[in-house]
Amino acid sequence: MARGQDASKKPEALNVLFIAVDDLRPALGCYGDERAITPNIDALAARGTTFLNSYCQQAVCNPSRASLMTSLRPETTGVFDLPTHFRDKVPDAVTVAQHFKNNGYHTERLGKIFHTGHGNRDDKFSWSRMKNYPSAPRFSPEAQELYKNLVAEVKAKGGDPKNGKDKVRGLPWEAPELGDDELTDGSNTATAIQLIKEYKEKGKPFFLGVGFLNPHLPFVAPKRYWDLYDPADMDPAANNFTPKDAPSYAATSWGELRAYQGIPSKGPLSAGQERNMVHGYYAATSYVDACVGRLIAALEEEGLTGNTVIVLWGDHGWQLRDHSFWCKHTNYDVAVRAPLIFYAPGQANPGARSEALVEFVDVFPTLADLCGLDIPDGLEGISLKPVMDKPDRPWKKAVFHVYPRKIPDHGSALGFGMRTERYHLVEWRPMKASDKFREYELYDLQSDPEENTNLAVLPEYETKVKELAGQLAKGWKGALPDS
């Protein structure tokens, strides 16, 4: 307690700035990506804690976000796809925003926090005010016109431009000569800054969620961000092949990208398309970085940095031709590992880079702990505050994730993934409990960090597979750190 502080007064409540970045892999300077130009996120990392080994619970938007927001894993929420809303499966779940709301906070969101596409919906229980503020379009006027024409062409032929083989999504990337606020992410940033000023005037603690659409497809960033990068440096991932001896169904056909204009319905991209994809991804990331910088500058200008916790996360990773794939939708490390950065006022060890294994279910309890709120019972993550206090302390023995697939002759299945300090195991199991089929993938991240060779098929790794499968069977509770 500060000298002279009245012991009868409660400490000032800490605000929360909750920043979600769609489809963001660790393509950031603070994660060691020398190609990325992300000075603002890097500056946040220099003041906070960067979790180098942070994992989502499933590499697709809706399950990942539902899991992070509730601190419940997909196996508990029952959410493995895009359309399912978590309230339909776990109606009494309390989200992190709802918990803060219940504790006297004003809670609000801009942009994408929950997954609200594909007929999905927001969560009215989470927000004190659920207002859809006016926002700039996602595309340039020229791209919007192209999209309208493509839709009209499909309809004229009797097709459905919203579904199936005729689905229309427009350009996969664009670098228009527009200002930041003439596109969605910049426009939402400007609104968020106005909300921060409003909250300062009202003096009530706030939980503000700001969800950026980039670098989710389509990659649309003002041209000045595209121009930050040299096209000659935009090589895609070098491991342009599926992992040796991996099950065929573990792969993705990256259908999400194939719906965009000019992308082939089968087979690889052209060399030019590949470079443009990588270029667009990095430009979109730099655009978001600039938006993040503006948000943090607004906190500074309002004198709120000293009493605001900031968390920044990408909802899952993204493949830039890794294993010959684009998009997410796999259990591979490049798809399930994503950035997670916390900043707390007065935290110990600012600028720490922790190699602890952490999960997105840990975000909810960590925010509650940092802000002095009770951590609700029944959460499936744990607070990361002890790691922020001591970044090199022993922590979880493993982290866990899943992805659904169809397995020939066995139907619907789940790939249960487990990452330990050295190994990454995936156990494929049919949904039908009576089906005893099991198939494994095992990658040694020490000798094979890109996961190019499945060791599970080799006789000399049979014992290791059994050992790790036994650890996987104990689940997340068996991997918790010793108290």
Protein backbone atom coordinates (compact mmCIF):
# COMPACT_ATOMS: atom_id res chain seq x y z
CA MET A 1 0.00 0.00 0.00
CA ALA A 2 1.30 3.44 -0.88
CA ARG A 3 2.33 5.68 2.06
CA GLY A 4 -0.62 7.68 3.33
CA GLN A 5 -3.21 5.56 1.46
CA ASP A 6 -6.50 5.12 3.30
CA ALA A 7 -6.76 1.40 4.13
CA SER A 8 -10.57 1.66 4.13
CA LYS A 9 -10.67 2.53 0.43
CA LYS A 10 -10.74 -0.17 -2.19
CA PRO A 11 -7.93 -0.09 -4.77
CA GLU A 12 -8.90 1.51 -8.08
CA ALA A 13 -10.48 -0.99 -10.47
CA LEU A 14 -8.36 -1.86 -13.49
CA ASN A 15 -9.87 -1.45 -16.95
CA VAL A 16 -9.41 -4.05 -19.70
CA LEU A 17 -8.56 -3.43 -23.35
CA PHE A 18 -9.23 -6.77 -25.02
CA ILE A 19 -7.74 -6.92 -28.53
CA ALA A 20 -8.62 -9.79 -30.87
CA VAL A 21 -6.82 -10.15 -34.20
CA ASP A 22 -8.40 -12.54 -36.69
CA ASP A 23 -6.20 -15.31 -38.17
CA LEU A 24 -2.98 -13.87 -36.73
CA ARG A 25 -0.06 -16.30 -36.67
CA PRO A 26 3.09 -15.15 -34.79
CA ALA A 27 4.12 -13.00 -37.79
CA LEU A 28 5.31 -10.27 -35.44
CA GLY A 29 8.70 -8.81 -34.69
CA CYS A 30 8.34 -9.62 -30.99
CA TYR A 31 7.98 -13.31 -31.94
CA GLY A 32 11.20 -13.22 -33.92
CA ASP A 33 9.72 -12.76 -37.40
CA GLU A 34 12.36 -10.60 -39.08
CA ARG A 35 10.11 -9.91 -42.06
CA ALA A 36 7.24 -8.43 -40.03
CA ILE A 37 6.94 -4.68 -39.57
CA THR A 38 4.92 -4.44 -36.36
CA PRO A 39 6.46 -1.70 -34.17
CA ASN A 40 3.37 -1.02 -32.07
CA ILE A 41 2.65 -4.59 -31.04
CA ASP A 42 6.38 -5.02 -30.44
CA ALA A 43 6.28 -1.98 -28.15
CA LEU A 44 3.37 -3.50 -26.23
CA ALA A 45 5.37 -6.71 -25.85
CA ALA A 46 8.32 -4.70 -24.55
CA ARG A 47 6.11 -3.46 -21.70
CA GLY A 48 4.25 -6.69 -21.04
CA THR A 49 4.70 -10.46 -21.25
CA THR A 50 4.94 -12.31 -24.55
CA PHE A 51 3.88 -15.95 -24.42
CA LEU A 52 5.94 -17.64 -27.11
CA ASN A 53 4.16 -21.00 -26.85
CA SER A 54 0.49 -20.06 -26.70
CA TYR A 55 -2.07 -22.38 -28.25
CA CYS A 56 -5.71 -22.08 -29.23
CA GLN A 57 -8.11 -24.95 -28.58
CA GLN A 58 -9.14 -25.39 -32.23
CA ALA A 59 -7.80 -23.76 -35.37
CA VAL A 60 -10.99 -22.16 -36.64
CA CYS A 61 -12.69 -18.94 -35.53
CA ASN A 62 -15.91 -19.95 -33.79
CA PRO A 63 -14.65 -22.84 -31.63
CA SER A 64 -11.50 -20.93 -30.71
CA ARG A 65 -13.34 -17.77 -29.69
CA ALA A 66 -16.09 -19.63 -27.83
CA SER A 67 -13.41 -21.48 -25.90
CA LEU A 68 -11.36 -18.38 -25.08
CA MET A 69 -14.38 -16.37 -24.01
CA THR A 70 -15.77 -19.09 -21.72
CA SER A 71 -12.54 -20.81 -20.61
CA LEU A 72 -14.21 -24.06 -21.65
CA ARG A 73 -12.65 -26.41 -24.16
CA PRO A 74 -14.45 -27.46 -27.36
CA GLU A 75 -15.15 -30.88 -25.87
CA THR A 76 -17.15 -29.02 -23.15
CA THR A 77 -18.75 -26.27 -25.23
CA GLY A 78 -19.69 -28.76 -27.97
CA VAL A 79 -18.61 -26.16 -30.55
CA PHE A 80 -16.45 -27.63 -33.34
CA ASP A 81 -17.81 -25.75 -36.37
CA LEU A 82 -18.78 -22.28 -37.55
CA PRO A 83 -22.61 -22.28 -37.21
CA THR A 84 -22.99 -23.67 -33.67
CA HIS A 85 -23.47 -21.06 -30.95
CA PHE A 86 -22.04 -21.96 -27.56
CA ARG A 87 -25.26 -20.90 -25.76
CA ASP A 88 -27.11 -23.67 -27.57
CA LYS A 89 -24.77 -26.22 -25.98
CA VAL A 90 -23.80 -24.65 -22.64
CA PRO A 91 -26.53 -22.05 -22.00
CA ASP A 92 -25.37 -21.27 -18.45
CA ALA A 93 -21.73 -20.61 -19.33
CA VAL A 94 -20.37 -17.29 -18.09
CA THR A 95 -18.08 -15.46 -20.51
CA VAL A 96 -15.13 -13.35 -19.49
CA ALA A 97 -16.95 -10.16 -20.53
CA GLN A 98 -20.07 -11.28 -18.66
CA HIS A 99 -18.00 -11.90 -15.52
CA PHE A 100 -16.64 -8.36 -15.66
CA LYS A 101 -20.13 -7.00 -16.33
CA ASN A 102 -21.41 -8.88 -13.28
CA ASN A 103 -18.67 -7.20 -11.26
CA GLY A 104 -19.70 -3.65 -12.10
CA TYR A 105 -17.82 -3.05 -15.34
CA HIS A 106 -19.19 -1.42 -18.46
CA THR A 107 -18.57 -4.05 -21.14
CA GLU A 108 -18.72 -3.35 -24.86
CA ARG A 109 -17.32 -4.63 -28.14
CA LEU A 110 -16.41 -3.34 -31.58
CA GLY A 111 -15.65 -5.57 -34.53
CA LYS A 112 -15.32 -9.33 -34.21
CA ILE A 113 -15.09 -10.77 -30.70
CA PHE A 114 -17.48 -13.70 -30.86
CA HIS A 115 -17.83 -15.35 -34.26
CA THR A 116 -20.96 -13.76 -35.70
CA GLY A 117 -20.81 -14.93 -39.31
CA HIS A 118 -22.42 -18.00 -40.93
CA GLY A 119 -25.76 -17.26 -39.28
CA ASN A 120 -24.14 -17.15 -35.85
CA ARG A 121 -25.01 -14.45 -33.33
CA ASP A 122 -23.47 -12.27 -30.66
CA ASP A 123 -23.99 -12.85 -26.92
CA LYS A 124 -26.31 -10.36 -25.24
CA PHE A 125 -25.33 -11.55 -21.77
CA SER A 126 -21.74 -10.41 -22.26
CA TRP A 127 -22.23 -6.75 -23.05
CA SER A 128 -23.59 -3.77 -21.11
CA ARG A 129 -24.14 -2.04 -24.43
CA MET A 130 -24.43 -4.05 -27.65
CA LYS A 131 -24.42 -1.38 -30.33
CA ASN A 132 -23.36 -1.80 -33.94
CA TYR A 133 -21.61 1.47 -34.69
CA PRO A 134 -21.33 2.75 -38.27
CA SER A 135 -18.18 1.46 -39.92
CA ALA A 136 -16.31 1.85 -43.18
CA PRO A 137 -16.55 -0.98 -45.77
CA ARG A 138 -14.18 -3.92 -45.91
CA PHE A 139 -13.28 -3.30 -49.60
CA SER A 140 -12.52 -0.37 -51.86
CA PRO A 141 -15.40 0.97 -53.99
CA GLU A 142 -13.89 -0.75 -57.05
CA ALA A 143 -13.74 -4.12 -55.28
CA GLN A 144 -17.30 -3.69 -54.04
CA GLU A 145 -18.46 -3.12 -57.60
CA LEU A 146 -16.58 -6.20 -58.79
CA TYR A 147 -18.22 -8.26 -56.07
CA LYS A 148 -21.70 -7.04 -57.03
CA ASN A 149 -21.05 -7.96 -60.66
CA LEU A 150 -19.82 -11.44 -59.72
CA VAL A 151 -22.93 -12.02 -57.61
CA ALA A 152 -25.16 -10.87 -60.47
CA GLU A 153 -23.39 -13.24 -62.90
CA VAL A 154 -23.92 -16.23 -60.61
CA LYS A 155 -27.59 -15.37 -60.04
CA ALA A 156 -28.15 -14.94 -63.78
CA LYS A 157 -26.98 -18.52 -64.27
CA GLY A 158 -29.30 -19.79 -61.54
CA GLY A 159 -26.53 -20.33 -58.97
CA ASP A 160 -26.37 -19.45 -55.29
CA PRO A 161 -23.64 -16.82 -54.67
CA LYS A 162 -23.73 -17.46 -50.91
CA ASN A 163 -23.24 -21.21 -50.81
CA GLY A 164 -21.67 -24.22 -52.48
CA LYS A 165 -19.60 -24.28 -55.65
CA ASP A 166 -20.97 -20.92 -56.85
CA LYS A 167 -20.12 -19.02 -53.65
CA VAL A 168 -18.67 -15.56 -54.32
CA ARG A 169 -16.18 -13.84 -52.04
CA GLY A 170 -14.51 -11.24 -54.25
CA LEU A 171 -10.81 -10.40 -54.32
CA PRO A 172 -8.47 -12.32 -51.99
CA TRP A 173 -6.19 -9.31 -51.46
CA GLU A 174 -6.25 -5.60 -52.19
CA ALA A 175 -4.04 -2.55 -51.56
CA PRO A 176 -6.26 0.46 -52.34
CA GLU A 177 -5.11 4.07 -52.18
CA LEU A 178 -7.29 4.83 -49.16
CA GLY A 179 -6.75 6.24 -45.70
CA ASP A 180 -6.78 3.94 -42.68
CA ASP A 181 -10.24 5.01 -41.55
CA GLU A 182 -11.75 4.44 -45.00
CA LEU A 183 -11.61 0.69 -44.34
CA THR A 184 -13.22 -1.33 -41.55
CA ASP A 185 -10.36 -1.85 -39.10
CA GLY A 186 -9.27 1.78 -39.14
CA SER A 187 -12.84 2.98 -38.88
CA ASN A 188 -13.50 0.75 -35.87
CA THR A 189 -10.28 1.99 -34.28
CA ALA A 190 -11.48 5.59 -34.54
CA THR A 191 -14.77 4.62 -32.87
CA ALA A 192 -12.94 2.71 -30.13
CA ILE A 193 -10.86 5.81 -29.39
CA GLN A 194 -14.06 7.83 -28.96
CA LEU A 195 -15.41 5.17 -26.60
CA ILE A 196 -12.22 5.30 -24.53
CA LYS A 197 -12.70 9.07 -24.16
CA GLU A 198 -16.34 8.51 -23.15
CA TYR A 199 -15.34 5.94 -20.54
CA LYS A 200 -12.75 8.31 -19.10
CA GLU A 201 -15.39 11.01 -18.69
CA LYS A 202 -17.84 8.64 -16.98
CA GLY A 203 -15.18 7.21 -14.66
CA LYS A 204 -16.64 3.69 -14.56
CA PRO A 205 -14.27 0.75 -15.10
CA PHE A 206 -14.58 -0.71 -18.58
CA PHE A 207 -13.93 -3.89 -20.50
CA LEU A 208 -13.62 -2.93 -24.16
CA GLY A 209 -13.26 -5.65 -26.78
CA VAL A 210 -11.85 -4.51 -30.12
CA GLY A 211 -11.82 -7.18 -32.82
CA PHE A 212 -9.81 -6.61 -36.00
CA LEU A 213 -10.82 -8.38 -39.22
CA ASN A 214 -7.35 -8.42 -40.75
CA PRO A 215 -5.32 -10.49 -41.46
CA HIS A 216 -8.32 -12.74 -42.11
CA LEU A 217 -9.12 -13.13 -45.80
CA PRO A 218 -9.51 -10.97 -47.76
CA PHE A 219 -6.26 -9.17 -47.01
CA VAL A 220 -7.30 -5.54 -47.46
CA ALA A 221 -4.93 -2.85 -46.23
CA PRO A 222 -4.23 0.68 -47.46
CA LYS A 223 -1.46 0.73 -50.04
CA ARG A 224 1.03 2.36 -47.73
CA TYR A 225 1.19 -0.86 -45.74
CA TRP A 226 1.66 -2.94 -48.88
CA ASP A 227 4.50 -0.59 -49.81
CA LEU A 228 6.32 -1.31 -46.54
CA TYR A 229 7.38 -4.66 -48.00
CA ASP A 230 9.65 -5.64 -50.87
CA PRO A 231 7.84 -8.12 -53.16
CA ALA A 232 11.14 -9.97 -53.55
CA ASP A 233 11.03 -10.85 -49.85
CA MET A 234 7.57 -12.43 -49.98
CA ASP A 235 8.55 -16.08 -50.35
CA PRO A 236 5.97 -18.54 -48.97
CA ALA A 237 6.94 -21.34 -46.59
CA ALA A 238 9.66 -23.60 -47.98
CA ASN A 239 8.15 -26.88 -46.73
CA ASN A 240 5.68 -27.05 -49.61
CA PHE A 241 4.81 -30.72 -49.02
CA THR A 242 2.57 -32.65 -46.69
CA PRO A 243 4.30 -34.24 -43.68
CA LYS A 244 5.84 -37.59 -44.53
CA ASP A 245 3.65 -40.53 -43.44
CA ALA A 246 0.89 -38.32 -42.02
CA PRO A 247 -2.71 -39.53 -42.47
CA SER A 248 -4.24 -38.11 -45.63
CA TYR A 249 -7.27 -36.81 -43.74
CA ALA A 250 -5.06 -34.64 -41.48
CA ALA A 251 -4.60 -32.27 -44.43
CA THR A 252 -6.74 -29.33 -45.48
CA SER A 253 -7.80 -28.52 -49.03
CA TRP A 254 -8.03 -24.82 -48.00
CA GLY A 255 -11.50 -24.42 -49.46
CA GLU A 256 -11.92 -21.08 -47.67
CA LEU A 257 -9.41 -19.46 -50.01
CA ARG A 258 -10.63 -21.23 -53.15
CA ALA A 259 -13.90 -19.30 -53.08
CA TYR A 260 -12.09 -16.04 -53.85
CA GLN A 261 -11.82 -14.49 -57.28
CA GLY A 262 -9.02 -15.88 -59.45
CA ILE A 263 -8.04 -18.69 -57.04
CA PRO A 264 -8.02 -22.14 -58.69
CA SER A 265 -10.69 -24.57 -57.51
CA LYS A 266 -8.08 -27.34 -57.42
CA GLY A 267 -4.32 -27.55 -57.32
CA PRO A 268 -1.68 -25.04 -56.20
CA LEU A 269 -1.57 -21.30 -56.64
CA SER A 270 0.66 -19.76 -59.26
CA ALA A 271 4.01 -18.39 -58.08
CA GLY A 272 2.68 -14.85 -58.45
CA GLN A 273 -0.44 -15.62 -56.44
CA GLU A 274 1.64 -17.17 -53.68
CA ARG A 275 3.79 -14.08 -53.37
CA ASN A 276 0.75 -11.82 -53.37
CA MET A 277 -0.84 -13.94 -50.65
CA VAL A 278 2.19 -13.61 -48.41
CA HIS A 279 2.55 -9.91 -49.27
CA GLY A 280 -1.12 -9.29 -48.50
CA TYR A 281 -0.93 -11.16 -45.20
CA TYR A 282 2.01 -9.12 -43.94
CA ALA A 283 0.56 -5.83 -45.19
CA ALA A 284 -2.73 -6.59 -43.42
CA THR A 285 -0.84 -7.41 -40.23
CA SER A 286 1.05 -4.10 -40.39
CA TYR A 287 -2.27 -2.29 -40.87
CA VAL A 288 -3.65 -3.90 -37.71
CA ASP A 289 -0.41 -3.04 -35.92
CA ALA A 290 -0.95 0.64 -36.73
CA CYS A 291 -4.51 0.39 -35.38
CA VAL A 292 -3.23 -1.20 -32.16
CA GLY A 293 -0.76 1.66 -31.81
CA ARG A 294 -3.56 4.19 -32.07
CA LEU A 295 -5.58 2.42 -29.35
CA ILE A 296 -2.67 2.38 -26.94
CA ALA A 297 -1.85 6.01 -27.73
CA ALA A 298 -5.46 6.88 -26.86
CA LEU A 299 -5.09 5.22 -23.48
CA GLU A 300 -1.92 7.23 -22.93
CA GLU A 301 -3.60 10.50 -23.92
CA GLU A 302 -6.46 9.86 -21.51
CA GLY A 303 -4.09 8.92 -18.71
CA LEU A 304 -5.47 5.37 -18.55
CA THR A 305 -2.40 3.25 -19.27
CA GLY A 306 -1.55 3.10 -15.57
CA ASN A 307 -4.84 1.43 -14.70
CA THR A 308 -5.67 -0.63 -17.80
CA VAL A 309 -4.79 -4.26 -18.44
CA ILE A 310 -4.20 -4.99 -22.14
CA VAL A 311 -4.39 -8.41 -23.74
CA LEU A 312 -3.77 -9.03 -27.44
CA TRP A 313 -4.44 -12.39 -29.06
CA GLY A 314 -4.82 -13.95 -32.49
CA ASP A 315 -7.61 -16.52 -32.51
CA HIS A 316 -5.40 -19.18 -34.18
CA GLY A 317 -2.47 -19.49 -36.55
CA TRP A 318 -2.45 -19.49 -40.34
CA GLN A 319 -0.61 -21.47 -43.00
CA LEU A 320 1.34 -19.58 -45.66
CA ARG A 321 1.95 -22.64 -47.85
CA ASP A 322 3.31 -24.55 -44.85
CA HIS A 323 2.86 -28.27 -45.70
CA SER A 324 1.45 -27.03 -49.06
CA PHE A 325 -1.56 -25.55 -47.20
CA TRP A 326 -3.12 -22.12 -46.93
CA CYS A 327 -5.58 -20.97 -44.23
CA LYS A 328 -5.98 -22.80 -40.89
CA HIS A 329 -8.19 -25.89 -40.30
CA THR A 330 -5.48 -28.37 -39.21
CA ASN A 331 -3.88 -29.67 -36.03
CA TYR A 332 -0.38 -28.67 -37.11
CA ASP A 333 1.62 -26.36 -34.89
CA VAL A 334 1.54 -23.52 -37.42
CA ALA A 335 -2.28 -23.55 -37.25
CA VAL A 336 -2.82 -23.90 -33.49
CA ARG A 337 -0.04 -21.63 -32.20
CA ALA A 338 -0.95 -17.94 -32.09
CA PRO A 339 0.20 -14.75 -30.37
CA LEU A 340 -0.76 -13.93 -26.80
CA ILE A 341 0.57 -10.79 -25.10
CA PHE A 342 -0.47 -9.41 -21.71
CA TYR A 343 0.34 -6.05 -20.19
CA ALA A 344 -0.58 -5.20 -16.60
CA PRO A 345 0.20 -1.91 -14.87
CA GLY A 346 3.14 -2.28 -12.53
CA GLN A 347 3.80 -5.87 -13.56
CA ALA A 348 7.04 -7.53 -12.66
CA ASN A 349 9.50 -8.30 -15.46
CA PRO A 350 8.19 -5.99 -18.20
CA GLY A 351 9.33 -7.18 -21.61
CA ALA A 352 9.58 -10.83 -20.53
CA ARG A 353 9.34 -13.55 -23.17
CA SER A 354 8.00 -16.72 -21.59
CA GLU A 355 8.42 -20.16 -23.15
CA ALA A 356 5.78 -21.66 -20.84
CA LEU A 357 3.11 -23.76 -22.52
CA VAL A 358 -0.14 -21.79 -22.25
CA GLU A 359 -3.62 -22.00 -23.77
CA PHE A 360 -6.36 -19.61 -24.73
CA VAL A 361 -8.62 -21.02 -22.01
CA ASP A 362 -6.13 -19.31 -19.67
CA VAL A 363 -7.08 -15.80 -20.83
CA PHE A 364 -10.31 -15.52 -18.80
CA PRO A 365 -8.84 -16.54 -15.42
CA THR A 366 -5.74 -14.43 -16.04
CA LEU A 367 -7.77 -11.27 -16.64
CA ALA A 368 -9.88 -11.92 -13.57
CA ASP A 369 -6.76 -12.48 -11.47
CA LEU A 370 -4.95 -9.38 -12.77
CA CYS A 371 -8.01 -7.23 -12.06
CA GLY A 372 -8.60 -8.61 -8.59
CA LEU A 373 -11.85 -10.42 -9.42
CA ASP A 374 -12.77 -13.87 -8.17
CA ILE A 375 -11.98 -16.64 -10.63
CA PRO A 376 -15.23 -18.58 -11.17
CA ASP A 377 -15.39 -22.29 -10.45
CA GLY A 378 -15.55 -24.66 -13.39
CA LEU A 379 -13.15 -22.87 -15.73
CA GLU A 380 -10.83 -25.13 -17.73
CA GLY A 381 -7.89 -22.72 -17.85
CA ILE A 382 -5.70 -21.27 -15.11
CA SER A 383 -4.32 -17.79 -14.39
CA LEU A 384 -1.03 -16.92 -16.05
CA LYS A 385 -0.21 -14.24 -13.47
CA PRO A 386 2.34 -16.52 -11.74
CA VAL A 387 4.19 -16.80 -15.07
CA MET A 388 4.06 -13.05 -15.57
CA ASP A 389 5.60 -12.68 -12.12
CA LYS A 390 8.24 -15.35 -12.79
CA PRO A 391 8.47 -16.14 -16.53
CA ASP A 392 10.92 -19.05 -16.19
CA ARG A 393 9.00 -20.94 -13.51
CA PRO A 394 7.86 -24.54 -14.19
CA TRP A 395 4.39 -24.53 -15.74
CA LYS A 396 2.00 -26.80 -17.63
CA LYS A 397 3.39 -30.12 -18.78
CA ALA A 398 1.26 -29.98 -21.95
CA VAL A 399 -1.42 -28.04 -23.80
CA PHE A 400 -4.34 -29.47 -25.77
CA HIS A 401 -6.37 -28.83 -28.93
CA VAL A 402 -8.74 -30.67 -31.27
CA TYR A 403 -9.88 -30.70 -34.89
CA PRO A 404 -12.75 -32.68 -36.48
CA ARG A 405 -12.35 -34.74 -39.64
CA LYS A 406 -14.03 -37.48 -41.64
CA ILE A 407 -11.96 -40.68 -41.58
CA PRO A 408 -12.53 -43.18 -44.40
CA ASP A 409 -14.52 -46.21 -43.18
CA HIS A 410 -14.95 -44.65 -39.72
CA GLY A 411 -16.93 -41.46 -40.30
CA SER A 412 -16.77 -38.40 -38.07
CA ALA A 413 -13.70 -38.23 -35.89
CA LEU A 414 -11.72 -35.86 -33.72
CA GLY A 415 -8.00 -35.38 -33.78
CA PHE A 416 -6.95 -34.78 -30.18
CA GLY A 417 -3.70 -32.84 -30.13
CA MET A 418 -1.25 -32.49 -27.25
CA ARG A 419 1.89 -30.35 -27.28
CA THR A 420 4.55 -31.04 -24.64
CA GLU A 421 7.85 -29.22 -24.28
CA ARG A 422 9.38 -31.42 -26.98
CA TYR A 423 6.67 -33.43 -28.74
CA HIS A 424 3.41 -32.85 -30.56
CA LEU A 425 1.06 -35.84 -30.57
CA VAL A 426 -2.26 -36.12 -32.39
CA GLU A 427 -4.56 -39.05 -31.67
CA TRP A 428 -7.34 -39.57 -34.20
CA ARG A 429 -10.49 -41.16 -32.71
CA PRO A 430 -13.91 -41.80 -34.27
CA MET A 431 -16.80 -40.01 -32.60
CA LYS A 432 -18.56 -43.36 -32.14
CA ALA A 433 -17.34 -44.65 -28.77
CA SER A 434 -17.66 -48.28 -29.87
CA ASP A 435 -15.18 -47.74 -32.71
CA LYS A 436 -11.73 -48.59 -31.35
CA PHE A 437 -9.81 -47.23 -34.35
CA ARG A 438 -6.81 -45.06 -33.40
CA GLU A 439 -4.20 -43.46 -35.59
CA TYR A 440 -1.38 -41.21 -34.45
CA GLU A 441 0.84 -38.40 -35.57
CA LEU A 442 4.01 -37.66 -33.62
CA TYR A 443 6.41 -34.81 -34.30
CA ASP A 444 9.66 -34.07 -32.50
CA LEU A 445 9.73 -30.27 -32.35
CA GLN A 446 13.33 -30.31 -31.19
CA SER A 447 14.71 -32.01 -34.29
CA ASP A 448 11.82 -31.24 -36.67
CA PRO A 449 10.26 -27.87 -35.67
CA GLU A 450 8.33 -27.61 -38.95
CA GLU A 451 6.67 -31.01 -38.38
CA ASN A 452 7.71 -32.49 -41.70
CA THR A 453 7.96 -36.15 -40.63
CA ASN A 454 5.40 -38.21 -38.71
CA LEU A 455 7.38 -40.44 -36.37
CA ALA A 456 4.39 -42.41 -35.11
CA VAL A 457 4.67 -44.93 -37.96
CA LEU A 458 8.25 -45.88 -37.02
CA PRO A 459 8.71 -48.97 -34.79
CA GLU A 460 11.38 -47.29 -32.69
CA TYR A 461 8.81 -44.67 -31.58
CA GLU A 462 6.11 -47.14 -30.52
CA THR A 463 7.01 -46.79 -26.84
CA LYS A 464 7.07 -42.99 -27.02
CA VAL A 465 3.65 -42.93 -28.72
CA LYS A 466 2.19 -45.15 -25.97
CA GLU A 467 3.74 -42.97 -23.28
CA LEU A 468 2.36 -39.75 -24.77
CA ALA A 469 -1.03 -41.33 -25.51
CA GLY A 470 -1.23 -42.22 -21.83
CA GLN A 471 -0.45 -38.62 -20.94
CA LEU A 472 -3.09 -37.42 -23.41
CA ALA A 473 -5.65 -39.74 -21.81
CA LYS A 474 -5.15 -37.98 -18.47
CA GLY A 475 -6.28 -34.75 -20.13
CA TRP A 476 -5.65 -31.13 -19.25
CA LYS A 477 -6.06 -31.63 -15.51
CA GLY A 478 -3.17 -34.07 -15.53
CA ALA A 479 -0.92 -31.46 -17.13
CA LEU A 480 -1.43 -28.68 -14.59
CA PRO A 481 1.66 -27.29 -12.87
CA ASP A 482 2.52 -28.44 -9.39
CA SER A 483 1.29 -26.01 -6.78
